[in-house]
Structure formats: structure tokens, C-alpha cells
Amino acid sequence: MKKVDIIIAGESHLRYAQEICEVISESAKVRGTGIARRTPEYVQTKMQNGNAIIALSGDQFAGFCYIEVWGHEKYVAHSGLIVHPDFRNRGLAKKIKEFTFHHSLNKYPTAKVFGITTGLAVMKINSDLGYKPVTFSELTDDPKFWAGCKTCTNFEILTSKDHKMCLCTGMLYDPTQKVKKKEKWFNKKVLKRLKKIKQSMLENNKQLLVWKK
């Protein structure tokens, strides 16, 4: 097994931006999930301002994640979490997420950390870090954040619900609140069932909107 180093990305890693975007896009296609696409230039900007985390095995790209800042540093979010196919099933995604999470707390100590995701694996990682599921109203109201969802295949569902509900689950970590270590809310079977119910409800609503048009 090749050694993988997880570090804060910088100028020397700009050359990986194109590959990162391609791996993120291909992964979304395979899973059949919606995703807010990012350009290599956007990823490079994150690297230049110290808000990106990259995993490397020698010179080979292994994984990536970046930080977004919203509402005048009141909120931060982690986006673009991806592991290259050659390095999957080794727990690397969790390690990258944990590194990004602690980097966020160090750089933005008063900010609430949030995310929206359809992935059960990401929900489990977030749960272990102390995130709690919340309604979208508890997340940032910064329009630039929601504008980033425009390239997602589920954007029409989001807008039809006035940005209050979508197939994604909102999750939040508040650094001012102490988390009980024994408190566990994550249940994979229950979440799978709820996800299917929500998807069915929203898809039916989407079809109704199309019919009305």
C-alpha cells in the first residue's frame, strides 16, 4: 500500500486542479447524484488562499477537499470531497474530511461548519465529527452559496421549495455547543428509508410542476 500524505494545498499543487475536477465529475456520474460543478480555476483559487486540502502519494493525486466561507466568516462549508479511484476503500475520505474539519476550526474558530449532502458515507463521517442534521433554514442564507447549486441536477427541486428542502440533508457543527460523545443519531437503515421517502415526495412534486406548465 502506497503512503498517502494529507496536506494544505498551495501554489505547487495548481497543476492537479484539472484532474481533481474530472474525478469529481466522473464520480457524480457513476453514483447518479447531483453535484455543484467547479472549474479548475475555482479550485486553484482555493489552493492559493490556503483553503484546500490535497492528498498525495508521491506525485500522484489521491484525494481532495476545500473550504468555502460564507456570511462574513459566520459559516464555513467543506466541498468537493473526493478520493481518486485508485485509493478508495481505504478510509482516505474520512481522513481528508477530518483534516479539513480541524483546519477549518483553526482558521475560522468562531464559524459554524455546515454541509449539504445526499451521501450516507459523508453523513456518517460528519456525524462522527459532531455534526447534527438540521433544516436548511439553519444554514447560511448567503445567496452565493445557493447559487452554487445551479449546476446540480436537483436544482429545480430546490428552487421549487424556495431553498427550504431538497434531496440533500443539511448538517451543522456549532463550535459553541459541546457535543456529547455518546450521542448517536446516525442510523444507516433509517436514513436510507427517509431518503427514499423524501425523494419520492419531491419527484412527485416535480412532476406536478411540469404538468402545470
C-alpha atoms as a PDB file:
ATOM      1  CA  MET A   1       0.000   0.000   0.000  1.00  0.00           C
ATOM      2  CA  LYS A   2       1.412   3.341  -1.072  1.00  0.00           C
ATOM      3  CA  LYS A   3       1.906   6.027   1.583  1.00  0.00           C
ATOM      4  CA  VAL A   4      -0.511   8.952   1.295  1.00  0.00           C
ATOM      5  CA  ASP A   5       0.234  12.390   2.738  1.00  0.00           C
ATOM      6  CA  ILE A   6      -2.599  14.827   3.503  1.00  0.00           C
ATOM      7  CA  ILE A   7      -1.538  18.478   3.432  1.00  0.00           C
ATOM      8  CA  ILE A   8      -2.796  22.015   2.917  1.00  0.00           C
ATOM      9  CA  ALA A   9      -2.597  22.701  -0.814  1.00  0.00           C
ATOM     10  CA  GLY A  10      -0.636  25.638  -2.218  1.00  0.00           C
ATOM     11  CA  GLU A  11       0.851  27.098  -5.382  1.00  0.00           C
ATOM     12  CA  SER A  12       2.835  23.935  -6.128  1.00  0.00           C
ATOM     13  CA  HIS A  13      -0.399  21.941  -6.443  1.00  0.00           C
ATOM     14  CA  LEU A  14      -2.194  24.075  -9.038  1.00  0.00           C
ATOM     15  CA  ARG A  15      -1.362  21.520 -11.742  1.00  0.00           C
ATOM     16  CA  TYR A  16      -3.734  18.999 -10.135  1.00  0.00           C
ATOM     17  CA  ALA A  17      -6.836  21.202 -10.500  1.00  0.00           C
ATOM     18  CA  GLN A  18      -7.976  19.820 -13.859  1.00  0.00           C
ATOM     19  CA  GLU A  19      -7.653  16.208 -12.726  1.00  0.00           C
ATOM     20  CA  ILE A  20      -9.491  16.965  -9.488  1.00  0.00           C
ATOM     21  CA  CYS A  21     -12.468  18.432 -11.350  1.00  0.00           C
ATOM     22  CA  GLU A  22     -12.572  15.474 -13.745  1.00  0.00           C
ATOM     23  CA  VAL A  23     -12.546  12.903 -10.931  1.00  0.00           C
ATOM     24  CA  ILE A  24     -15.314  14.772  -9.072  1.00  0.00           C
ATOM     25  CA  SER A  25     -17.456  14.896 -12.217  1.00  0.00           C
ATOM     26  CA  GLU A  26     -16.933  11.229 -13.092  1.00  0.00           C
ATOM     27  CA  SER A  27     -17.697  10.133  -9.542  1.00  0.00           C
ATOM     28  CA  ALA A  28     -21.020  12.001  -9.611  1.00  0.00           C
ATOM     29  CA  LYS A  29     -21.960  10.319 -12.895  1.00  0.00           C
ATOM     30  CA  VAL A  30     -21.218   6.856 -11.515  1.00  0.00           C
ATOM     31  CA  ARG A  31     -23.271   7.476  -8.358  1.00  0.00           C
ATOM     32  CA  GLY A  32     -26.056   9.185 -10.281  1.00  0.00           C
ATOM     33  CA  THR A  33     -26.119  12.053  -7.790  1.00  0.00           C
ATOM     34  CA  GLY A  34     -26.439  15.770  -8.267  1.00  0.00           C
ATOM     35  CA  ILE A  35     -23.333  17.888  -7.831  1.00  0.00           C
ATOM     36  CA  ALA A  36     -22.404  21.546  -7.977  1.00  0.00           C
ATOM     37  CA  ARG A  37     -19.629  21.594 -10.576  1.00  0.00           C
ATOM     38  CA  ARG A  38     -16.491  23.679 -10.098  1.00  0.00           C
ATOM     39  CA  THR A  39     -13.923  24.849 -12.627  1.00  0.00           C
ATOM     40  CA  PRO A  40     -10.165  24.194 -12.393  1.00  0.00           C
ATOM     41  CA  GLU A  41      -9.710  27.962 -11.952  1.00  0.00           C
ATOM     42  CA  TYR A  42     -12.018  27.944  -8.934  1.00  0.00           C
ATOM     43  CA  VAL A  43     -10.146  25.025  -7.377  1.00  0.00           C
ATOM     44  CA  GLN A  44      -6.838  26.807  -7.981  1.00  0.00           C
ATOM     45  CA  THR A  45      -8.137  29.899  -6.169  1.00  0.00           C
ATOM     46  CA  LYS A  46      -8.881  27.737  -3.120  1.00  0.00           C
ATOM     47  CA  MET A  47      -5.350  26.358  -3.229  1.00  0.00           C
ATOM     48  CA  GLN A  48      -3.858  29.841  -3.453  1.00  0.00           C
ATOM     49  CA  ASN A  49      -5.714  31.171  -0.411  1.00  0.00           C
ATOM     50  CA  GLY A  50      -4.965  28.165   1.812  1.00  0.00           C
ATOM     51  CA  ASN A  51      -8.498  26.777   1.790  1.00  0.00           C
ATOM     52  CA  ALA A  52      -7.836  23.475   0.036  1.00  0.00           C
ATOM     53  CA  ILE A  53      -6.641  20.104   1.279  1.00  0.00           C
ATOM     54  CA  ILE A  54      -4.933  17.621  -1.019  1.00  0.00           C
ATOM     55  CA  ALA A  55      -3.839  14.023  -0.516  1.00  0.00           C
ATOM     56  CA  LEU A  56      -0.821  12.828  -2.474  1.00  0.00           C
ATOM     57  CA  SER A  57       1.013   9.559  -2.886  1.00  0.00           C
ATOM     58  CA  GLY A  58       4.333  10.817  -4.103  1.00  0.00           C
ATOM     59  CA  ASP A  59       3.342  12.929  -7.098  1.00  0.00           C
ATOM     60  CA  GLN A  60       0.080  11.068  -7.682  1.00  0.00           C
ATOM     61  CA  PHE A  61      -3.206  12.763  -6.796  1.00  0.00           C
ATOM     62  CA  ALA A  62      -5.123  10.692  -4.220  1.00  0.00           C
ATOM     63  CA  GLY A  63      -7.810  12.951  -2.769  1.00  0.00           C
ATOM     64  CA  PHE A  64      -9.070  16.470  -2.253  1.00  0.00           C
ATOM     65  CA  CYS A  65     -11.422  18.768  -0.353  1.00  0.00           C
ATOM     66  CA  TYR A  66     -11.782  22.523   0.004  1.00  0.00           C
ATOM     67  CA  ILE A  67     -13.277  25.123   2.332  1.00  0.00           C
ATOM     68  CA  GLU A  68     -15.832  27.754   1.413  1.00  0.00           C
ATOM     69  CA  VAL A  69     -16.501  30.787   3.624  1.00  0.00           C
ATOM     70  CA  TRP A  70     -19.950  32.384   3.877  1.00  0.00           C
ATOM     71  CA  GLY A  71     -21.716  35.213   5.693  1.00  0.00           C
ATOM     72  CA  HIS A  72     -18.587  37.187   6.636  1.00  0.00           C
ATOM     73  CA  GLU A  73     -16.937  34.101   8.198  1.00  0.00           C
ATOM     74  CA  LYS A  74     -20.016  33.175  10.243  1.00  0.00           C
ATOM     75  CA  TYR A  75     -20.231  29.895   8.341  1.00  0.00           C
ATOM     76  CA  VAL A  76     -17.795  27.606   6.556  1.00  0.00           C
ATOM     77  CA  ALA A  77     -18.530  24.585   4.407  1.00  0.00           C
ATOM     78  CA  HIS A  78     -16.449  21.720   3.055  1.00  0.00           C
ATOM     79  CA  SER A  79     -16.956  20.926  -0.607  1.00  0.00           C
ATOM     80  CA  GLY A  80     -15.516  18.788  -3.367  1.00  0.00           C
ATOM     81  CA  LEU A  81     -14.539  15.888  -1.098  1.00  0.00           C
ATOM     82  CA  ILE A  82     -13.212  13.267  -3.473  1.00  0.00           C
ATOM     83  CA  VAL A  83     -10.878  10.264  -3.477  1.00  0.00           C
ATOM     84  CA  HIS A  84      -9.217   9.034  -6.662  1.00  0.00           C
ATOM     85  CA  PRO A  85     -10.493   5.554  -7.703  1.00  0.00           C
ATOM     86  CA  ASP A  86      -7.015   4.067  -7.157  1.00  0.00           C
ATOM     87  CA  PHE A  87      -7.155   4.991  -3.465  1.00  0.00           C
ATOM     88  CA  ARG A  88     -10.738   4.189  -2.483  1.00  0.00           C
ATOM     89  CA  ASN A  89     -11.914   1.743   0.189  1.00  0.00           C
ATOM     90  CA  ARG A  90      -9.007   2.636   2.474  1.00  0.00           C
ATOM     91  CA  GLY A  91     -10.722   5.141   4.741  1.00  0.00           C
ATOM     92  CA  LEU A  92      -8.980   8.047   2.996  1.00  0.00           C
ATOM     93  CA  ALA A  93     -12.146  10.136   2.589  1.00  0.00           C
ATOM     94  CA  LYS A  94     -12.646  10.171   6.347  1.00  0.00           C
ATOM     95  CA  LYS A  95      -9.024  11.195   6.957  1.00  0.00           C
ATOM     96  CA  ILE A  96      -9.259  14.043   4.420  1.00  0.00           C
ATOM     97  CA  LYS A  97     -12.554  15.204   5.922  1.00  0.00           C
ATOM     98  CA  GLU A  98     -11.114  15.160   9.448  1.00  0.00           C
ATOM     99  CA  PHE A  99      -8.036  17.105   8.326  1.00  0.00           C
ATOM    100  CA  THR A 100     -10.232  19.681   6.558  1.00  0.00           C
ATOM    101  CA  PHE A 101     -12.540  19.932   9.561  1.00  0.00           C
ATOM    102  CA  HIS A 102      -9.728  20.692  12.015  1.00  0.00           C
ATOM    103  CA  HIS A 103      -8.079  23.087   9.550  1.00  0.00           C
ATOM    104  CA  SER A 104     -11.420  24.936   9.390  1.00  0.00           C
ATOM    105  CA  LEU A 105     -11.660  25.201  13.165  1.00  0.00           C
ATOM    106  CA  ASN A 106      -8.106  26.533  13.396  1.00  0.00           C
ATOM    107  CA  LYS A 107      -8.534  29.088  10.615  1.00  0.00           C
ATOM    108  CA  TYR A 108     -12.118  30.122  11.398  1.00  0.00           C
ATOM    109  CA  PRO A 109     -12.584  29.319  15.120  1.00  0.00           C
ATOM    110  CA  THR A 110     -15.925  31.123  15.557  1.00  0.00           C
ATOM    111  CA  ALA A 111     -17.580  29.883  12.357  1.00  0.00           C
ATOM    112  CA  LYS A 112     -20.297  27.238  12.232  1.00  0.00           C
ATOM    113  CA  VAL A 113     -19.350  24.367   9.940  1.00  0.00           C
ATOM    114  CA  PHE A 114     -22.119  23.091   7.696  1.00  0.00           C
ATOM    115  CA  GLY A 115     -22.751  20.965   4.662  1.00  0.00           C
ATOM    116  CA  ILE A 116     -25.480  19.528   2.463  1.00  0.00           C
ATOM    117  CA  THR A 117     -25.139  16.031   1.058  1.00  0.00           C
ATOM    118  CA  THR A 118     -27.038  13.065  -0.347  1.00  0.00           C
ATOM    119  CA  GLY A 119     -24.252  10.618   0.529  1.00  0.00           C
ATOM    120  CA  LEU A 120     -24.730   8.322   3.522  1.00  0.00           C
ATOM    121  CA  ALA A 121     -20.965   7.845   3.836  1.00  0.00           C
ATOM    122  CA  VAL A 122     -20.444  11.606   4.172  1.00  0.00           C
ATOM    123  CA  MET A 123     -23.302  11.800   6.695  1.00  0.00           C
ATOM    124  CA  LYS A 124     -21.602   9.117   8.791  1.00  0.00           C
ATOM    125  CA  ILE A 125     -18.268  10.956   8.708  1.00  0.00           C
ATOM    126  CA  ASN A 126     -19.972  14.237   9.646  1.00  0.00           C
ATOM    127  CA  SER A 127     -21.859  12.533  12.459  1.00  0.00           C
ATOM    128  CA  ASP A 128     -18.620  11.174  13.934  1.00  0.00           C
ATOM    129  CA  LEU A 129     -17.185  14.721  13.888  1.00  0.00           C
ATOM    130  CA  GLY A 130     -20.161  16.120  15.801  1.00  0.00           C
ATOM    131  CA  TYR A 131     -22.394  17.470  13.043  1.00  0.00           C
ATOM    132  CA  LYS A 132     -26.163  17.386  13.588  1.00  0.00           C
ATOM    133  CA  PRO A 133     -28.888  17.159  10.908  1.00  0.00           C
ATOM    134  CA  VAL A 134     -30.700  20.498  10.588  1.00  0.00           C
ATOM    135  CA  THR A 135     -33.237  22.226   8.374  1.00  0.00           C
ATOM    136  CA  PHE A 136     -31.953  24.417   5.552  1.00  0.00           C
ATOM    137  CA  SER A 137     -33.176  27.499   7.452  1.00  0.00           C
ATOM    138  CA  GLU A 138     -30.369  26.918   9.984  1.00  0.00           C
ATOM    139  CA  LEU A 139     -27.708  27.126   7.284  1.00  0.00           C
ATOM    140  CA  THR A 140     -26.257  30.220   5.651  1.00  0.00           C
ATOM    141  CA  ASP A 141     -28.676  32.479   3.784  1.00  0.00           C
ATOM    142  CA  ASP A 142     -25.857  33.757   1.573  1.00  0.00           C
ATOM    143  CA  PRO A 143     -27.313  33.694  -1.983  1.00  0.00           C
ATOM    144  CA  LYS A 144     -23.870  32.924  -3.422  1.00  0.00           C
ATOM    145  CA  PHE A 145     -23.877  29.557  -1.645  1.00  0.00           C
ATOM    146  CA  TRP A 146     -27.217  28.517  -3.090  1.00  0.00           C
ATOM    147  CA  ALA A 147     -26.212  29.858  -6.494  1.00  0.00           C
ATOM    148  CA  GLY A 148     -23.505  27.195  -6.456  1.00  0.00           C
ATOM    149  CA  CYS A 149     -26.265  24.573  -6.663  1.00  0.00           C
ATOM    150  CA  LYS A 150     -27.358  25.745 -10.122  1.00  0.00           C
ATOM    151  CA  THR A 151     -25.292  23.096 -11.882  1.00  0.00           C
ATOM    152  CA  CYS A 152     -26.791  20.331  -9.723  1.00  0.00           C
ATOM    153  CA  THR A 153     -29.387  18.115 -11.397  1.00  0.00           C
ATOM    154  CA  ASN A 154     -31.693  18.673  -8.406  1.00  0.00           C
ATOM    155  CA  PHE A 155     -31.629  22.490  -8.570  1.00  0.00           C
ATOM    156  CA  GLU A 156     -35.207  22.694  -9.884  1.00  0.00           C
ATOM    157  CA  ILE A 157     -36.404  20.775  -6.833  1.00  0.00           C
ATOM    158  CA  LEU A 158     -34.527  23.157  -4.539  1.00  0.00           C
ATOM    159  CA  THR A 159     -35.984  26.284  -6.142  1.00  0.00           C
ATOM    160  CA  SER A 160     -39.489  24.835  -6.208  1.00  0.00           C
ATOM    161  CA  LYS A 161     -39.236  24.502  -2.423  1.00  0.00           C
ATOM    162  CA  ASP A 162     -37.920  28.076  -2.004  1.00  0.00           C
ATOM    163  CA  HIS A 163     -34.481  26.744  -0.895  1.00  0.00           C
ATOM    164  CA  LYS A 164     -36.067  25.110   2.168  1.00  0.00           C
ATOM    165  CA  MET A 165     -35.849  21.463   1.097  1.00  0.00           C
ATOM    166  CA  CYS A 166     -34.104  19.225  -1.425  1.00  0.00           C
ATOM    167  CA  LEU A 167     -32.763  15.687  -1.767  1.00  0.00           C
ATOM    168  CA  CYS A 168     -29.717  16.778   0.230  1.00  0.00           C
ATOM    169  CA  THR A 169     -29.624  16.640   4.025  1.00  0.00           C
ATOM    170  CA  GLY A 170     -28.384  19.730   5.848  1.00  0.00           C
ATOM    171  CA  MET A 171     -25.820  19.158   8.603  1.00  0.00           C
ATOM    172  CA  LEU A 172     -24.265  21.611  11.051  1.00  0.00           C
ATOM    173  CA  TYR A 173     -21.432  21.731  13.598  1.00  0.00           C
ATOM    174  CA  ASP A 174     -21.615  24.598  16.087  1.00  0.00           C
ATOM    175  CA  PRO A 175     -18.253  25.110  17.892  1.00  0.00           C
ATOM    176  CA  THR A 176     -20.031  26.928  20.761  1.00  0.00           C
ATOM    177  CA  GLN A 177     -22.029  23.820  21.669  1.00  0.00           C
ATOM    178  CA  LYS A 178     -20.414  20.875  23.374  1.00  0.00           C
ATOM    179  CA  VAL A 179     -21.220  17.542  21.758  1.00  0.00           C
ATOM    180  CA  LYS A 180     -21.876  14.521  23.919  1.00  0.00           C
ATOM    181  CA  LYS A 181     -19.556  11.751  22.783  1.00  0.00           C
ATOM    182  CA  LYS A 182     -22.117   9.037  23.391  1.00  0.00           C
ATOM    183  CA  GLU A 183     -24.846  10.850  21.493  1.00  0.00           C
ATOM    184  CA  LYS A 184     -25.532   8.959  18.274  1.00  0.00           C
ATOM    185  CA  TRP A 185     -28.214   9.939  15.780  1.00  0.00           C
ATOM    186  CA  PHE A 186     -26.828   8.252  12.677  1.00  0.00           C
ATOM    187  CA  ASN A 187     -28.713   5.134  11.622  1.00  0.00           C
ATOM    188  CA  LYS A 188     -27.946   3.987   8.079  1.00  0.00           C
ATOM    189  CA  LYS A 189     -31.131   1.952   7.589  1.00  0.00           C
ATOM    190  CA  VAL A 190     -33.398   4.731   8.858  1.00  0.00           C
ATOM    191  CA  LEU A 191     -31.642   7.386   6.778  1.00  0.00           C
ATOM    192  CA  LYS A 192     -31.885   5.239   3.631  1.00  0.00           C
ATOM    193  CA  ARG A 193     -35.602   4.866   4.172  1.00  0.00           C
ATOM    194  CA  LEU A 194     -36.124   8.568   4.856  1.00  0.00           C
ATOM    195  CA  LYS A 195     -34.075   9.460   1.804  1.00  0.00           C
ATOM    196  CA  LYS A 196     -36.271   7.269  -0.407  1.00  0.00           C
ATOM    197  CA  ILE A 197     -39.441   8.786   1.061  1.00  0.00           C
ATOM    198  CA  LYS A 198     -38.179  12.335   0.561  1.00  0.00           C
ATOM    199  CA  GLN A 199     -37.016  11.581  -2.968  1.00  0.00           C
ATOM    200  CA  SER A 200     -40.404  10.102  -3.844  1.00  0.00           C
ATOM    201  CA  MET A 201     -42.251  13.107  -2.418  1.00  0.00           C
ATOM    202  CA  LEU A 202     -40.059  15.640  -4.207  1.00  0.00           C
ATOM    203  CA  GLU A 203     -40.122  13.787  -7.506  1.00  0.00           C
ATOM    204  CA  ASN A 204     -43.924  13.659  -7.378  1.00  0.00           C
ATOM    205  CA  ASN A 205     -43.954  17.385  -6.701  1.00  0.00           C
ATOM    206  CA  LYS A 206     -41.567  17.962  -9.615  1.00  0.00           C
ATOM    207  CA  GLN A 207     -43.859  16.049 -11.960  1.00  0.00           C
ATOM    208  CA  LEU A 208     -46.798  18.135 -10.763  1.00  0.00           C
ATOM    209  CA  LEU A 209     -44.895  21.328 -11.574  1.00  0.00           C
ATOM    210  CA  VAL A 210     -44.146  20.048 -15.074  1.00  0.00           C
ATOM    211  CA  TRP A 211     -47.834  19.148 -15.570  1.00  0.00           C
ATOM    212  CA  LYS A 212     -48.931  22.636 -14.507  1.00  0.00           C
ATOM    213  CA  LYS A 213     -46.568  24.195 -17.037  1.00  0.00           C
END
